[in-house]
């Protein structure tokens, strides 16, 4: 896998430190609210597993599978929910955990979708933010790192279902996906 990486943006150690900080921030802000961490599959699973272990208060978790991407590298613009919540969020503080905030299409759709279920609040926590690619007006409330407009893999992020297990965040060589 490493031979397919152009360069490393963040090491596993750098990401661990930032997740520790995010966990402390979320504990400070939601520690008395019994929030639900809502992971957006599949990319969130590494980040969410690390993050929830750093949240030092009662909470629950659930997952949704939502995507505006096919097997390619760009958004199709059409959002599809393939797995919905298994818990009621009425009156709950929901923390959406996302691997990357890119175009914003998926998160914007998901936030509106969830607001119809009357949660107490909806907060977005993303590990990576790529603001140059934003197509809709949405921002993360908590963000690990802002990254450049490059195709990245690792730490749960994939290209065609590969590289999710790469421990660092790296820029994928263009010849791999073109």
C-alpha atoms as a PDB file:
ATOM      1  CA  UNK A   1       0.000   0.000   0.000  1.00  0.00           C
ATOM      2  CA  UNK A   2       2.742   2.450   0.932  1.00  0.00           C
ATOM      3  CA  UNK A   3       4.104   2.424  -2.630  1.00  0.00           C
ATOM      4  CA  UNK A   4       0.767   3.871  -3.818  1.00  0.00           C
ATOM      5  CA  UNK A   5       1.069   6.886  -1.494  1.00  0.00           C
ATOM      6  CA  UNK A   6       2.524  10.105  -2.902  1.00  0.00           C
ATOM      7  CA  UNK A   7       3.121  11.592   0.556  1.00  0.00           C
ATOM      8  CA  UNK A   8       1.896  11.344   4.130  1.00  0.00           C
ATOM      9  CA  UNK A   9      -0.198  14.259   5.397  1.00  0.00           C
ATOM     10  CA  UNK A  10      -0.650  13.029   8.988  1.00  0.00           C
ATOM     11  CA  UNK A  11       0.916  10.135  10.832  1.00  0.00           C
ATOM     12  CA  UNK A  12      -0.938   7.721  13.042  1.00  0.00           C
ATOM     13  CA  UNK A  13       0.624   9.405  16.100  1.00  0.00           C
ATOM     14  CA  UNK A  14      -0.447  12.895  15.000  1.00  0.00           C
ATOM     15  CA  UNK A  15      -3.992  11.692  14.439  1.00  0.00           C
ATOM     16  CA  UNK A  16      -4.098   9.927  17.811  1.00  0.00           C
ATOM     17  CA  UNK A  17      -3.102  13.145  19.559  1.00  0.00           C
ATOM     18  CA  UNK A  18      -5.794  15.125  17.747  1.00  0.00           C
ATOM     19  CA  UNK A  19      -8.464  12.493  18.507  1.00  0.00           C
ATOM     20  CA  UNK A  20      -7.498  12.699  22.193  1.00  0.00           C
ATOM     21  CA  UNK A  21      -8.071  16.470  22.021  1.00  0.00           C
ATOM     22  CA  UNK A  22     -11.404  16.097  20.221  1.00  0.00           C
ATOM     23  CA  UNK A  23     -12.548  13.531  22.789  1.00  0.00           C
ATOM     24  CA  UNK A  24     -11.728  15.963  25.595  1.00  0.00           C
ATOM     25  CA  UNK A  25     -13.572  18.808  23.837  1.00  0.00           C
ATOM     26  CA  UNK A  26     -16.663  16.672  23.261  1.00  0.00           C
ATOM     27  CA  UNK A  27     -16.587  15.410  26.860  1.00  0.00           C
ATOM     28  CA  UNK A  28     -16.427  19.009  28.076  1.00  0.00           C
ATOM     29  CA  UNK A  29     -19.344  20.084  25.858  1.00  0.00           C
ATOM     30  CA  UNK A  30     -21.565  16.961  25.980  1.00  0.00           C
ATOM     31  CA  UNK A  31     -20.461  15.030  29.065  1.00  0.00           C
ATOM     32  CA  UNK A  32     -23.692  15.769  30.915  1.00  0.00           C
ATOM     33  CA  UNK A  33     -26.006  15.197  27.912  1.00  0.00           C
ATOM     34  CA  UNK A  34     -25.748  11.429  27.216  1.00  0.00           C
ATOM     35  CA  UNK A  35     -25.247  12.057  23.481  1.00  0.00           C
ATOM     36  CA  UNK A  36     -25.643   9.591  20.652  1.00  0.00           C
ATOM     37  CA  UNK A  37     -22.590   9.279  18.440  1.00  0.00           C
ATOM     38  CA  UNK A  38     -23.849   8.611  14.926  1.00  0.00           C
ATOM     39  CA  UNK A  39     -21.218   7.165  12.626  1.00  0.00           C
ATOM     40  CA  UNK A  40     -21.507   7.575   8.878  1.00  0.00           C
ATOM     41  CA  UNK A  41     -20.307   4.281   7.399  1.00  0.00           C
ATOM     42  CA  UNK A  42     -17.986   3.060   6.147  1.00  0.00           C
ATOM     43  CA  UNK A  43     -15.264   5.661   6.411  1.00  0.00           C
ATOM     44  CA  UNK A  44     -15.980   6.752   9.992  1.00  0.00           C
ATOM     45  CA  UNK A  45     -15.354   3.408  11.649  1.00  0.00           C
ATOM     46  CA  UNK A  46     -11.673   3.922  12.554  1.00  0.00           C
ATOM     47  CA  UNK A  47     -12.149   7.522  13.711  1.00  0.00           C
ATOM     48  CA  UNK A  48     -15.340   6.750  15.616  1.00  0.00           C
ATOM     49  CA  UNK A  49     -13.802   3.783  17.426  1.00  0.00           C
ATOM     50  CA  UNK A  50     -10.898   5.959  18.534  1.00  0.00           C
ATOM     51  CA  UNK A  51     -13.098   8.971  19.368  1.00  0.00           C
ATOM     52  CA  UNK A  52     -15.723   7.183  21.427  1.00  0.00           C
ATOM     53  CA  UNK A  53     -13.005   5.663  23.628  1.00  0.00           C
ATOM     54  CA  UNK A  54     -11.819   9.210  24.374  1.00  0.00           C
ATOM     55  CA  UNK A  55     -15.305  10.399  25.346  1.00  0.00           C
ATOM     56  CA  UNK A  56     -15.308  10.175  29.130  1.00  0.00           C
ATOM     57  CA  UNK A  57     -19.038  10.165  29.917  1.00  0.00           C
ATOM     58  CA  UNK A  58     -22.168   8.091  29.217  1.00  0.00           C
ATOM     59  CA  UNK A  59     -23.224   7.914  25.575  1.00  0.00           C
ATOM     60  CA  UNK A  60     -24.759   5.641  22.991  1.00  0.00           C
ATOM     61  CA  UNK A  61     -23.862   5.035  19.378  1.00  0.00           C
ATOM     62  CA  UNK A  62     -25.496   4.061  16.146  1.00  0.00           C
ATOM     63  CA  UNK A  63     -24.552   3.960  12.473  1.00  0.00           C
ATOM     64  CA  UNK A  64     -25.997   4.970   9.146  1.00  0.00           C
ATOM     65  CA  UNK A  65     -24.745   4.156   5.684  1.00  0.00           C
ATOM     66  CA  UNK A  66     -25.164   7.240   3.527  1.00  0.00           C
ATOM     67  CA  UNK A  67     -23.281   8.109   0.374  1.00  0.00           C
ATOM     68  CA  UNK A  68     -23.118  10.417  -2.594  1.00  0.00           C
ATOM     69  CA  UNK A  69     -20.152   8.536  -4.048  1.00  0.00           C
ATOM     70  CA  UNK A  70     -20.056   5.443  -6.194  1.00  0.00           C
ATOM     71  CA  UNK A  71     -16.803   3.579  -6.696  1.00  0.00           C
ATOM     72  CA  UNK A  72     -15.152   6.663  -8.197  1.00  0.00           C
ATOM     73  CA  UNK A  73     -13.417   9.692  -6.760  1.00  0.00           C
ATOM     74  CA  UNK A  74     -16.109  12.356  -7.101  1.00  0.00           C
ATOM     75  CA  UNK A  75     -19.584  12.873  -5.702  1.00  0.00           C
ATOM     76  CA  UNK A  76     -22.517  11.844  -7.857  1.00  0.00           C
ATOM     77  CA  UNK A  77     -24.660  14.467  -6.110  1.00  0.00           C
ATOM     78  CA  UNK A  78     -27.406  11.905  -5.430  1.00  0.00           C
ATOM     79  CA  UNK A  79     -27.517  10.891  -1.765  1.00  0.00           C
ATOM     80  CA  UNK A  80     -28.573   7.364  -0.920  1.00  0.00           C
ATOM     81  CA  UNK A  81     -29.319   5.928   2.546  1.00  0.00           C
ATOM     82  CA  UNK A  82     -28.570   2.217   2.635  1.00  0.00           C
ATOM     83  CA  UNK A  83     -28.717   1.761   6.423  1.00  0.00           C
ATOM     84  CA  UNK A  84     -30.882   3.897   8.669  1.00  0.00           C
ATOM     85  CA  UNK A  85     -30.747   4.429  12.431  1.00  0.00           C
ATOM     86  CA  UNK A  86     -31.811   1.649  14.746  1.00  0.00           C
ATOM     87  CA  UNK A  87     -32.565   4.019  17.673  1.00  0.00           C
ATOM     88  CA  UNK A  88     -34.988   6.896  18.204  1.00  0.00           C
ATOM     89  CA  UNK A  89     -33.222  10.272  18.356  1.00  0.00           C
ATOM     90  CA  UNK A  90     -36.194  12.370  19.480  1.00  0.00           C
ATOM     91  CA  UNK A  91     -34.896  14.744  22.159  1.00  0.00           C
ATOM     92  CA  UNK A  92     -31.349  13.361  21.946  1.00  0.00           C
ATOM     93  CA  UNK A  93     -28.112  15.241  21.372  1.00  0.00           C
ATOM     94  CA  UNK A  94     -26.717  13.675  18.188  1.00  0.00           C
ATOM     95  CA  UNK A  95     -23.051  13.927  17.258  1.00  0.00           C
ATOM     96  CA  UNK A  96     -22.568  12.949  13.622  1.00  0.00           C
ATOM     97  CA  UNK A  97     -19.119  11.397  13.237  1.00  0.00           C
ATOM     98  CA  UNK A  98     -17.751  11.617   9.708  1.00  0.00           C
ATOM     99  CA  UNK A  99     -14.366  10.710   8.268  1.00  0.00           C
ATOM    100  CA  UNK A 100     -14.165  13.631   5.844  1.00  0.00           C
ATOM    101  CA  UNK A 101     -16.216  16.710   5.045  1.00  0.00           C
ATOM    102  CA  UNK A 102     -15.655  17.208   1.338  1.00  0.00           C
ATOM    103  CA  UNK A 103     -18.396  18.585  -0.937  1.00  0.00           C
ATOM    104  CA  UNK A 104     -20.808  18.661   2.002  1.00  0.00           C
ATOM    105  CA  UNK A 105     -23.593  17.121  -0.069  1.00  0.00           C
ATOM    106  CA  UNK A 106     -23.939  13.991   2.058  1.00  0.00           C
ATOM    107  CA  UNK A 107     -23.740  15.755   5.435  1.00  0.00           C
ATOM    108  CA  UNK A 108     -26.123  18.520   4.397  1.00  0.00           C
ATOM    109  CA  UNK A 109     -28.679  15.945   3.286  1.00  0.00           C
ATOM    110  CA  UNK A 110     -28.162  13.839   6.415  1.00  0.00           C
ATOM    111  CA  UNK A 111     -28.518  16.792   8.772  1.00  0.00           C
ATOM    112  CA  UNK A 112     -31.835  17.829   7.182  1.00  0.00           C
ATOM    113  CA  UNK A 113     -33.024  14.210   7.220  1.00  0.00           C
ATOM    114  CA  UNK A 114     -32.240  13.864  10.925  1.00  0.00           C
ATOM    115  CA  UNK A 115     -33.784  17.229  11.885  1.00  0.00           C
ATOM    116  CA  UNK A 116     -37.162  15.790  10.893  1.00  0.00           C
ATOM    117  CA  UNK A 117     -36.810  13.358  13.817  1.00  0.00           C
ATOM    118  CA  UNK A 118     -36.688  16.191  16.392  1.00  0.00           C
ATOM    119  CA  UNK A 119     -33.336  15.670  18.117  1.00  0.00           C
ATOM    120  CA  UNK A 120     -32.332  18.127  20.860  1.00  0.00           C
ATOM    121  CA  UNK A 121     -29.285  19.071  18.782  1.00  0.00           C
ATOM    122  CA  UNK A 122     -27.189  17.911  15.854  1.00  0.00           C
ATOM    123  CA  UNK A 123     -23.441  18.420  15.966  1.00  0.00           C
ATOM    124  CA  UNK A 124     -20.943  17.475  13.264  1.00  0.00           C
ATOM    125  CA  UNK A 125     -17.535  16.090  14.148  1.00  0.00           C
ATOM    126  CA  UNK A 126     -15.239  15.279  11.239  1.00  0.00           C
ATOM    127  CA  UNK A 127     -11.671  14.067  11.292  1.00  0.00           C
ATOM    128  CA  UNK A 128     -10.751  15.767   8.010  1.00  0.00           C
ATOM    129  CA  UNK A 129     -12.156  18.862   6.350  1.00  0.00           C
ATOM    130  CA  UNK A 130     -11.513  19.740   2.717  1.00  0.00           C
ATOM    131  CA  UNK A 131     -13.063  23.239   2.498  1.00  0.00           C
ATOM    132  CA  UNK A 132     -11.864  23.906  -1.075  1.00  0.00           C
ATOM    133  CA  UNK A 133     -14.288  21.254  -2.352  1.00  0.00           C
ATOM    134  CA  UNK A 134     -17.421  22.497  -0.567  1.00  0.00           C
ATOM    135  CA  UNK A 135     -20.483  22.681  -2.808  1.00  0.00           C
ATOM    136  CA  UNK A 136     -23.082  23.398  -0.112  1.00  0.00           C
ATOM    137  CA  UNK A 137     -23.053  25.644   2.937  1.00  0.00           C
ATOM    138  CA  UNK A 138     -22.180  23.332   5.827  1.00  0.00           C
ATOM    139  CA  UNK A 139     -19.413  23.414   8.411  1.00  0.00           C
ATOM    140  CA  UNK A 140     -18.157  20.977  11.030  1.00  0.00           C
ATOM    141  CA  UNK A 141     -18.571  21.945  14.663  1.00  0.00           C
ATOM    142  CA  UNK A 142     -15.489  19.907  15.558  1.00  0.00           C
ATOM    143  CA  UNK A 143     -12.678  19.141  13.138  1.00  0.00           C
ATOM    144  CA  UNK A 144      -9.489  17.165  13.424  1.00  0.00           C
ATOM    145  CA  UNK A 145      -7.537  18.585  10.497  1.00  0.00           C
ATOM    146  CA  UNK A 146      -8.100  20.794   7.490  1.00  0.00           C
ATOM    147  CA  UNK A 147      -6.568  19.199   4.413  1.00  0.00           C
ATOM    148  CA  UNK A 148      -5.741  20.295   0.865  1.00  0.00           C
ATOM    149  CA  UNK A 149      -7.765  19.392  -2.191  1.00  0.00           C
ATOM    150  CA  UNK A 150      -6.071  16.064  -2.865  1.00  0.00           C
ATOM    151  CA  UNK A 151      -7.356  12.493  -3.001  1.00  0.00           C
ATOM    152  CA  UNK A 152      -6.531  11.020   0.403  1.00  0.00           C
ATOM    153  CA  UNK A 153      -6.689   7.498   1.794  1.00  0.00           C
ATOM    154  CA  UNK A 154      -5.995   5.774   5.088  1.00  0.00           C
ATOM    155  CA  UNK A 155      -7.447   5.965   8.593  1.00  0.00           C
ATOM    156  CA  UNK A 156     -10.746   4.609   7.257  1.00  0.00           C
ATOM    157  CA  UNK A 157     -10.804   6.542   3.980  1.00  0.00           C
ATOM    158  CA  UNK A 158     -10.688   4.443   0.840  1.00  0.00           C
ATOM    159  CA  UNK A 159     -10.340   4.305  -2.855  1.00  0.00           C
ATOM    160  CA  UNK A 160     -12.541   1.553  -4.307  1.00  0.00           C
ATOM    161  CA  UNK A 161     -12.728  -0.107  -0.839  1.00  0.00           C
ATOM    162  CA  UNK A 162      -8.928  -0.291  -0.528  1.00  0.00           C
ATOM    163  CA  UNK A 163      -6.521   1.528   1.831  1.00  0.00           C
ATOM    164  CA  UNK A 164      -8.974   1.869   4.755  1.00  0.00           C
ATOM    165  CA  UNK A 165      -6.498  -0.035   6.920  1.00  0.00           C
ATOM    166  CA  UNK A 166      -3.539   2.211   6.046  1.00  0.00           C
ATOM    167  CA  UNK A 167      -2.636   3.708   9.455  1.00  0.00           C
ATOM    168  CA  UNK A 168      -1.583   7.186   8.264  1.00  0.00           C
ATOM    169  CA  UNK A 169      -3.440   9.675   6.084  1.00  0.00           C
ATOM    170  CA  UNK A 170      -1.764   9.917   2.710  1.00  0.00           C
ATOM    171  CA  UNK A 171      -2.283  11.412  -0.704  1.00  0.00           C
ATOM    172  CA  UNK A 172      -2.913   8.649  -3.213  1.00  0.00           C
ATOM    173  CA  UNK A 173      -0.747   8.770  -6.328  1.00  0.00           C
ATOM    174  CA  UNK A 174      -2.835   9.939  -9.247  1.00  0.00           C
ATOM    175  CA  UNK A 175      -1.814   7.026 -11.480  1.00  0.00           C
ATOM    176  CA  UNK A 176      -3.517   4.658  -9.018  1.00  0.00           C
ATOM    177  CA  UNK A 177      -6.990   6.094  -9.541  1.00  0.00           C
ATOM    178  CA  UNK A 178      -6.890   7.642 -13.011  1.00  0.00           C
END
